């Protein structure tokens, strides 16, 4: 229900800071921290470096999206998103060999793969 304290807290987190973080004993804190550290390392890079890894149709839209370039899920939204993001996902499984990540993305890719695998095991 909309008045449930957990729903109210989740709504507030999304509206005030734009994200929330769930914790689970099934995923070791070290994996969560490793993924966050790798993401912080990527986002701390200069903009011109991050722009070399922009998502596109060729990458299945996986990759970097700069501030204001995000795709808001609401069709009624007219404001650009006020965040930068990196969309990561496992390579497609249609038989095509996935290109290895750029050397600059190796730490982020490795951390994301380990974290993703752990999340799948927890579900």
Foldseek 3Di string as FASTA:
>chain_A
DCPPPVNVVQVCCCVPPNDDDDDDPLADPVLVVLLVVLVVVLVVDDPVVQVVFAADVVQVRFGKADAQRDDDPDPPDPGGHGDIDGHDDDDDPPPDDDDDDDPSCPSNVVSVVVRVVSVVVVD
